[in-house]
Each structure stands twice: as C-alpha cells, then as structure tokens.
Amino acid sequence: MASADNDDDIPVTRSDLSQTVSRFAVTPYPAWGFSGALFATVPRASNVKMYLPRPLTCAFFGSVIAFGGYIIHDNDVINGAGFTSAWSTMYLLANGKRGITQLRPWPAFLSIFAFGNALMYGREYFFPDSDRTKI
C-alpha cells in the first residue's frame, strides 16, 4: 500500500507540465542556450559554402537573443519574454523552413529550439502568472 507522502504514485498532469514550462520561462537559460547554439554554428557555417543559416545570421540572432536573456536576468521578465519570443519568431521566419527542409540535423535542431523559445516565452508574455504581475 502506498503512503500519502510518496510522490511516485502521483501521475504527471498538464498542470505540472505547465508549471515546469512557466518556471523555465522566467529564467534566461533557454534564451542563452539558443544563443549559444547559434554562436556554435558560426564556425561550421563559415566553412561550408551552402550551409544555412549563414554565419552573419547566426551571429546577429545569437547576439539579439542573448540580450533578451539578459533582460530576463535583469528581472524584467515580461519585457524580456516578449523580446525573446519576437526575435525567436523572426529567426523562424528567416530560417525555419530552410532549416527543416535541408534535412540536416543541426539546422533542424536550431529551428525546433527557436520554435520552443517562441512558444515558451510567448506564453509568458501574453499569459503571465498573476503573482508576478502584482509587483
């Protein structure tokens, strides 16, 4: 018989997943992770002639999204989330389709990462937790 204190018997619900996403959306780490992945792409994109995204694109979007992470780190979560969501969406508009249709794992990973950041930070911007907005 399981005791009431055992958390292993409690199934994970959508609200638990939603809370986990909300906890990540108030940190700069997903934005900085995506920015780091873009910066890591620059040397490879410089060496391969037809590689997409281009090195200048990676450096530009990496810098802008890192700045969005800094805005969140500076305790302006709502504006930082909106900024990061908007620029992740712009990355998707510029490189998302080609990243997926290129059938290479890294550009597809970057597109999926941008999509995840756009959704997560967009949710935080458009539907913020009521506890944080009362400050």
N, C-alpha and C. Protein backbone atom coordinates (compact mmCIF):
# COMPACT_ATOMS: atom_id res chain seq x y z
N MET A 1 0.84 -1.17 0.00
CA MET A 1 0.00 0.00 0.00
C MET A 1 0.89 1.24 0.00
N ALA A 2 0.59 2.17 -0.83
CA ALA A 2 1.39 3.40 -0.95
C ALA A 2 0.94 4.41 0.09
N SER A 3 1.91 5.08 0.63
CA SER A 3 1.57 6.12 1.61
C SER A 3 1.23 7.41 0.89
N ALA A 4 0.63 8.31 1.62
CA ALA A 4 0.22 9.59 1.04
C ALA A 4 1.43 10.49 0.75
N ASP A 5 2.57 10.21 1.40
CA ASP A 5 3.76 11.04 1.20
C ASP A 5 4.58 10.63 -0.02
N ASN A 6 4.25 9.51 -0.63
CA ASN A 6 5.03 9.01 -1.76
C ASN A 6 4.61 9.73 -3.04
N ASP A 7 5.50 10.49 -3.63
CA ASP A 7 5.20 11.24 -4.85
C ASP A 7 5.31 10.40 -6.10
N ASP A 8 5.84 9.16 -6.01
CA ASP A 8 5.99 8.32 -7.19
C ASP A 8 4.66 7.84 -7.73
N ASP A 9 3.62 7.80 -6.90
CA ASP A 9 2.31 7.31 -7.32
C ASP A 9 1.45 8.38 -7.96
N ILE A 10 1.88 9.62 -7.92
CA ILE A 10 1.09 10.72 -8.46
C ILE A 10 1.45 10.90 -9.93
N PRO A 11 0.47 10.79 -10.82
CA PRO A 11 0.80 10.95 -12.24
C PRO A 11 1.07 12.41 -12.59
N VAL A 12 1.89 12.59 -13.61
CA VAL A 12 2.20 13.94 -14.07
C VAL A 12 1.03 14.44 -14.90
N THR A 13 0.52 15.59 -14.57
CA THR A 13 -0.62 16.16 -15.28
C THR A 13 -0.18 17.34 -16.12
N ARG A 14 -1.09 17.84 -16.92
CA ARG A 14 -0.76 19.00 -17.76
C ARG A 14 -0.44 20.22 -16.91
N SER A 15 -1.06 20.34 -15.76
CA SER A 15 -0.76 21.50 -14.92
C SER A 15 0.67 21.43 -14.40
N ASP A 16 1.18 20.21 -14.12
CA ASP A 16 2.57 20.07 -13.70
C ASP A 16 3.51 20.46 -14.84
N LEU A 17 3.19 20.03 -16.05
CA LEU A 17 3.99 20.40 -17.21
C LEU A 17 3.93 21.90 -17.45
N SER A 18 2.76 22.46 -17.29
CA SER A 18 2.58 23.91 -17.45
C SER A 18 3.39 24.67 -16.41
N GLN A 19 3.43 24.18 -15.20
CA GLN A 19 4.21 24.83 -14.16
C GLN A 19 5.70 24.73 -14.45
N THR A 20 6.14 23.60 -14.97
CA THR A 20 7.54 23.44 -15.33
C THR A 20 7.94 24.40 -16.43
N VAL A 21 7.08 24.53 -17.45
CA VAL A 21 7.35 25.47 -18.54
C VAL A 21 7.36 26.90 -18.00
N SER A 22 6.46 27.21 -17.10
CA SER A 22 6.42 28.56 -16.52
C SER A 22 7.68 28.86 -15.72
N ARG A 23 8.21 27.85 -15.04
CA ARG A 23 9.45 28.05 -14.28
C ARG A 23 10.63 28.31 -15.20
N PHE A 24 10.68 27.63 -16.36
CA PHE A 24 11.75 27.87 -17.31
C PHE A 24 11.59 29.21 -18.01
N ALA A 25 10.38 29.66 -18.20
CA ALA A 25 10.11 30.89 -18.95
C ALA A 25 10.50 32.14 -18.18
N VAL A 26 10.74 32.04 -16.90
CA VAL A 26 11.15 33.21 -16.13
C VAL A 26 12.66 33.22 -15.90
N THR A 27 13.37 32.28 -16.53
CA THR A 27 14.82 32.25 -16.45
C THR A 27 15.42 32.57 -17.81
N PRO A 28 16.63 33.07 -17.84
CA PRO A 28 17.26 33.38 -19.13
C PRO A 28 17.92 32.17 -19.78
N TYR A 29 17.92 31.02 -19.13
CA TYR A 29 18.70 29.88 -19.61
C TYR A 29 18.26 29.32 -20.96
N PRO A 30 16.97 29.20 -21.26
CA PRO A 30 16.61 28.75 -22.61
C PRO A 30 17.06 29.73 -23.70
N ALA A 31 16.95 31.03 -23.43
CA ALA A 31 17.39 32.03 -24.40
C ALA A 31 18.90 31.96 -24.58
N TRP A 32 19.62 31.85 -23.49
CA TRP A 32 21.08 31.77 -23.58
C TRP A 32 21.52 30.46 -24.22
N GLY A 33 20.77 29.38 -24.00
CA GLY A 33 21.08 28.11 -24.65
C GLY A 33 20.93 28.21 -26.16
N PHE A 34 19.85 28.83 -26.61
CA PHE A 34 19.63 29.02 -28.04
C PHE A 34 20.69 29.96 -28.62
N SER A 35 21.02 31.00 -27.90
CA SER A 35 22.05 31.92 -28.34
C SER A 35 23.40 31.21 -28.46
N GLY A 36 23.73 30.39 -27.49
CA GLY A 36 24.98 29.62 -27.55
C GLY A 36 25.00 28.64 -28.71
N ALA A 37 23.85 28.03 -29.00
CA ALA A 37 23.77 27.11 -30.13
C ALA A 37 23.97 27.87 -31.45
N LEU A 38 23.45 29.08 -31.52
CA LEU A 38 23.65 29.89 -32.73
C LEU A 38 25.12 30.30 -32.87
N PHE A 39 25.75 30.69 -31.77
CA PHE A 39 27.16 31.06 -31.83
C PHE A 39 28.04 29.85 -32.16
N ALA A 40 27.65 28.68 -31.70
CA ALA A 40 28.41 27.46 -32.02
C ALA A 40 28.28 27.10 -33.50
N THR A 41 27.27 27.61 -34.17
CA THR A 41 27.06 27.34 -35.59
C THR A 41 27.96 28.19 -36.48
N VAL A 42 28.43 29.31 -35.98
CA VAL A 42 29.18 30.26 -36.82
C VAL A 42 30.42 29.62 -37.46
N PRO A 43 31.29 28.89 -36.73
CA PRO A 43 32.46 28.31 -37.41
C PRO A 43 32.09 27.29 -38.49
N ARG A 44 31.10 26.48 -38.23
CA ARG A 44 30.68 25.49 -39.22
C ARG A 44 30.06 26.17 -40.44
N ALA A 45 29.25 27.16 -40.21
CA ALA A 45 28.61 27.87 -41.32
C ALA A 45 29.64 28.64 -42.14
N SER A 46 30.74 29.06 -41.53
CA SER A 46 31.77 29.78 -42.26
C SER A 46 32.55 28.86 -43.19
N ASN A 47 32.69 27.58 -42.82
CA ASN A 47 33.49 26.64 -43.61
C ASN A 47 32.73 25.98 -44.74
N VAL A 48 31.43 25.85 -44.63
CA VAL A 48 30.62 25.17 -45.63
C VAL A 48 29.94 26.22 -46.50
N LYS A 49 30.10 26.09 -47.80
CA LYS A 49 29.62 27.12 -48.73
C LYS A 49 28.10 27.28 -48.72
N MET A 50 27.35 26.21 -48.81
CA MET A 50 25.90 26.28 -48.93
C MET A 50 25.18 26.01 -47.61
N TYR A 51 25.83 26.20 -46.51
CA TYR A 51 25.24 25.91 -45.20
C TYR A 51 24.26 27.03 -44.82
N LEU A 52 23.13 26.63 -44.36
CA LEU A 52 22.14 27.58 -43.86
C LEU A 52 21.83 27.21 -42.42
N PRO A 53 21.73 28.11 -41.54
CA PRO A 53 21.77 29.56 -41.64
C PRO A 53 23.18 30.08 -41.85
N ARG A 54 23.28 31.24 -42.40
CA ARG A 54 24.55 31.89 -42.71
C ARG A 54 25.24 32.37 -41.43
N PRO A 55 26.57 32.52 -41.45
CA PRO A 55 27.29 32.93 -40.24
C PRO A 55 26.86 34.29 -39.70
N LEU A 56 26.63 35.25 -40.57
CA LEU A 56 26.20 36.57 -40.11
C LEU A 56 24.82 36.51 -39.45
N THR A 57 23.94 35.69 -40.01
CA THR A 57 22.61 35.50 -39.43
C THR A 57 22.71 34.89 -38.05
N CYS A 58 23.56 33.87 -37.91
CA CYS A 58 23.72 33.22 -36.60
C CYS A 58 24.28 34.19 -35.56
N ALA A 59 25.29 34.98 -35.96
CA ALA A 59 25.89 35.92 -35.03
C ALA A 59 24.88 37.01 -34.63
N PHE A 60 24.12 37.51 -35.60
CA PHE A 60 23.15 38.56 -35.30
C PHE A 60 22.05 38.05 -34.37
N PHE A 61 21.39 36.95 -34.75
CA PHE A 61 20.31 36.44 -33.92
C PHE A 61 20.83 35.95 -32.57
N GLY A 62 22.03 35.37 -32.54
CA GLY A 62 22.60 34.94 -31.27
C GLY A 62 22.81 36.11 -30.32
N SER A 63 23.29 37.23 -30.85
CA SER A 63 23.50 38.42 -30.02
C SER A 63 22.19 39.00 -29.51
N VAL A 64 21.22 39.09 -30.38
CA VAL A 64 19.93 39.68 -30.00
C VAL A 64 19.22 38.81 -28.97
N ILE A 65 19.24 37.52 -29.15
CA ILE A 65 18.54 36.63 -28.22
C ILE A 65 19.31 36.54 -26.89
N ALA A 66 20.63 36.65 -26.92
CA ALA A 66 21.40 36.73 -25.67
C ALA A 66 21.03 37.99 -24.90
N PHE A 67 20.81 39.09 -25.62
CA PHE A 67 20.37 40.33 -24.97
C PHE A 67 18.98 40.15 -24.35
N GLY A 68 18.10 39.42 -25.03
CA GLY A 68 16.79 39.11 -24.45
C GLY A 68 16.91 38.32 -23.16
N GLY A 69 17.85 37.37 -23.13
CA GLY A 69 18.12 36.63 -21.90
C GLY A 69 18.63 37.53 -20.80
N TYR A 70 19.46 38.52 -21.19
CA TYR A 70 19.95 39.48 -20.19
C TYR A 70 18.81 40.32 -19.62
N ILE A 71 17.85 40.69 -20.47
CA ILE A 71 16.70 41.46 -19.99
C ILE A 71 15.94 40.64 -18.94
N ILE A 72 15.77 39.37 -19.19
CA ILE A 72 15.10 38.49 -18.21
C ILE A 72 15.95 38.37 -16.95
N HIS A 73 17.26 38.22 -17.12
CA HIS A 73 18.17 38.12 -15.98
C HIS A 73 18.16 39.38 -15.13
N ASP A 74 17.87 40.51 -15.75
CA ASP A 74 17.82 41.79 -15.06
C ASP A 74 16.46 42.03 -14.39
N ASN A 75 15.68 40.97 -14.22
CA ASN A 75 14.38 40.97 -13.53
C ASN A 75 13.28 41.73 -14.25
N ASP A 76 13.36 41.84 -15.55
CA ASP A 76 12.26 42.38 -16.34
C ASP A 76 11.72 41.23 -17.19
N VAL A 77 11.04 40.32 -16.53
CA VAL A 77 10.65 39.06 -17.14
C VAL A 77 9.65 39.26 -18.28
N ILE A 78 8.66 40.09 -18.08
CA ILE A 78 7.62 40.25 -19.09
C ILE A 78 8.21 40.83 -20.39
N ASN A 79 8.95 41.92 -20.28
CA ASN A 79 9.54 42.53 -21.48
C ASN A 79 10.60 41.63 -22.11
N GLY A 80 11.39 40.97 -21.28
CA GLY A 80 12.40 40.05 -21.82
C GLY A 80 11.77 38.87 -22.53
N ALA A 81 10.68 38.36 -21.98
CA ALA A 81 9.98 37.24 -22.61
C ALA A 81 9.38 37.67 -23.95
N GLY A 82 8.80 38.85 -23.99
CA GLY A 82 8.24 39.35 -25.25
C GLY A 82 9.32 39.59 -26.29
N PHE A 83 10.44 40.17 -25.87
CA PHE A 83 11.56 40.43 -26.77
C PHE A 83 12.13 39.13 -27.33
N THR A 84 12.37 38.16 -26.46
CA THR A 84 12.94 36.89 -26.89
C THR A 84 11.96 36.12 -27.75
N SER A 85 10.70 36.15 -27.42
CA SER A 85 9.69 35.46 -28.23
C SER A 85 9.61 36.07 -29.63
N ALA A 86 9.63 37.39 -29.71
CA ALA A 86 9.54 38.06 -31.01
C ALA A 86 10.76 37.75 -31.87
N TRP A 87 11.95 37.79 -31.30
CA TRP A 87 13.15 37.53 -32.10
C TRP A 87 13.29 36.06 -32.44
N SER A 88 12.82 35.16 -31.58
CA SER A 88 12.82 33.73 -31.93
C SER A 88 11.86 33.48 -33.09
N THR A 89 10.73 34.17 -33.09
CA THR A 89 9.78 34.06 -34.19
C THR A 89 10.39 34.62 -35.48
N MET A 90 11.12 35.73 -35.37
CA MET A 90 11.77 36.28 -36.57
C MET A 90 12.84 35.34 -37.10
N TYR A 91 13.55 34.64 -36.21
CA TYR A 91 14.51 33.64 -36.66
C TYR A 91 13.79 32.53 -37.43
N LEU A 92 12.65 32.12 -36.92
CA LEU A 92 11.87 31.09 -37.61
C LEU A 92 11.40 31.57 -38.98
N LEU A 93 10.97 32.82 -39.07
CA LEU A 93 10.54 33.34 -40.36
C LEU A 93 11.70 33.41 -41.36
N ALA A 94 12.88 33.72 -40.87
CA ALA A 94 14.04 33.84 -41.76
C ALA A 94 14.65 32.50 -42.11
N ASN A 95 14.67 31.54 -41.17
CA ASN A 95 15.43 30.31 -41.37
C ASN A 95 14.68 29.03 -41.07
N GLY A 96 13.46 29.12 -40.58
CA GLY A 96 12.76 27.92 -40.11
C GLY A 96 12.47 26.91 -41.20
N LYS A 97 11.90 27.34 -42.30
CA LYS A 97 11.54 26.40 -43.37
C LYS A 97 12.79 25.75 -43.97
N ARG A 98 13.79 26.56 -44.27
CA ARG A 98 15.02 26.01 -44.85
C ARG A 98 15.74 25.12 -43.85
N GLY A 99 15.64 25.43 -42.57
CA GLY A 99 16.28 24.60 -41.55
C GLY A 99 15.67 23.21 -41.48
N ILE A 100 14.37 23.13 -41.69
CA ILE A 100 13.70 21.82 -41.66
C ILE A 100 13.86 21.09 -42.99
N THR A 101 13.68 21.78 -44.11
CA THR A 101 13.71 21.11 -45.42
C THR A 101 15.11 20.77 -45.88
N GLN A 102 16.13 21.29 -45.23
CA GLN A 102 17.50 20.99 -45.57
C GLN A 102 17.88 19.55 -45.21
N LEU A 103 17.12 18.95 -44.31
CA LEU A 103 17.32 17.58 -43.85
C LEU A 103 18.70 17.36 -43.23
N ARG A 104 19.18 18.38 -42.54
CA ARG A 104 20.39 18.27 -41.75
C ARG A 104 19.99 18.43 -40.30
N PRO A 105 20.60 17.66 -39.41
CA PRO A 105 20.13 17.67 -38.02
C PRO A 105 20.32 19.01 -37.30
N TRP A 106 21.47 19.66 -37.48
CA TRP A 106 21.72 20.88 -36.70
C TRP A 106 20.81 22.03 -37.09
N PRO A 107 20.63 22.36 -38.38
CA PRO A 107 19.68 23.43 -38.70
C PRO A 107 18.25 23.11 -38.26
N ALA A 108 17.86 21.83 -38.34
CA ALA A 108 16.53 21.45 -37.86
C ALA A 108 16.44 21.64 -36.34
N PHE A 109 17.50 21.28 -35.63
CA PHE A 109 17.53 21.48 -34.18
C PHE A 109 17.40 22.95 -33.83
N LEU A 110 18.10 23.83 -34.57
CA LEU A 110 18.00 25.26 -34.31
C LEU A 110 16.59 25.77 -34.54
N SER A 111 15.94 25.28 -35.59
CA SER A 111 14.55 25.71 -35.86
C SER A 111 13.61 25.23 -34.76
N ILE A 112 13.79 24.02 -34.30
CA ILE A 112 12.95 23.48 -33.23
C ILE A 112 13.21 24.24 -31.92
N PHE A 113 14.47 24.55 -31.65
CA PHE A 113 14.83 25.31 -30.45
C PHE A 113 14.19 26.70 -30.50
N ALA A 114 14.25 27.34 -31.67
CA ALA A 114 13.64 28.67 -31.81
C ALA A 114 12.13 28.59 -31.62
N PHE A 115 11.51 27.54 -32.16
CA PHE A 115 10.07 27.36 -32.01
C PHE A 115 9.71 27.17 -30.54
N GLY A 116 10.48 26.37 -29.83
CA GLY A 116 10.23 26.16 -28.40
C GLY A 116 10.37 27.44 -27.60
N ASN A 117 11.42 28.22 -27.89
CA ASN A 117 11.60 29.50 -27.20
C ASN A 117 10.47 30.47 -27.52
N ALA A 118 10.05 30.51 -28.78
CA ALA A 118 8.96 31.40 -29.17
C ALA A 118 7.68 31.04 -28.43
N LEU A 119 7.38 29.76 -28.33
CA LEU A 119 6.17 29.33 -27.62
C LEU A 119 6.26 29.59 -26.12
N MET A 120 7.39 29.19 -25.53
CA MET A 120 7.52 29.29 -24.08
C MET A 120 7.53 30.75 -23.63
N TYR A 121 8.36 31.56 -24.25
CA TYR A 121 8.42 32.97 -23.85
C TYR A 121 7.19 33.74 -24.31
N GLY A 122 6.60 33.35 -25.42
CA GLY A 122 5.36 33.98 -25.86
C GLY A 122 4.23 33.72 -24.89
N ARG A 123 4.17 32.50 -24.38
CA ARG A 123 3.16 32.18 -23.36
C ARG A 123 3.36 33.03 -22.12
N GLU A 124 4.61 33.20 -21.73
CA GLU A 124 4.91 34.02 -20.55
C GLU A 124 4.56 35.50 -20.79
N TYR A 125 4.75 35.97 -22.01
CA TYR A 125 4.47 37.37 -22.31
C TYR A 125 2.97 37.63 -22.40
N PHE A 126 2.24 36.78 -23.12
CA PHE A 126 0.82 37.02 -23.34
C PHE A 126 -0.05 36.54 -22.19
N PHE A 127 0.38 35.52 -21.45
CA PHE A 127 -0.40 34.98 -20.33
C PHE A 127 0.48 34.86 -19.09
N PRO A 128 0.91 35.98 -18.51
CA PRO A 128 1.81 35.90 -17.35
C PRO A 128 1.09 35.38 -16.12
N ASP A 129 1.87 34.83 -15.21
CA ASP A 129 1.31 34.39 -13.93
C ASP A 129 0.85 35.62 -13.15
N SER A 130 -0.29 35.51 -12.51
CA SER A 130 -0.86 36.66 -11.81
C SER A 130 -0.02 37.06 -10.60
N ASP A 131 0.74 36.15 -10.01
CA ASP A 131 1.54 36.50 -8.84
C ASP A 131 2.64 37.50 -9.20
N ARG A 132 3.23 37.36 -10.37
CA ARG A 132 4.33 38.21 -10.76
C ARG A 132 3.86 39.58 -11.24
N THR A 133 2.66 39.66 -11.79
CA THR A 133 2.18 40.93 -12.33
C THR A 133 1.70 41.88 -11.24
N LYS A 134 1.55 41.42 -10.01
CA LYS A 134 1.10 42.27 -8.91
C LYS A 134 2.24 43.06 -8.29
N ILE A 135 3.45 42.84 -8.72
CA ILE A 135 4.62 43.50 -8.11
C ILE A 135 4.60 44.97 -8.43
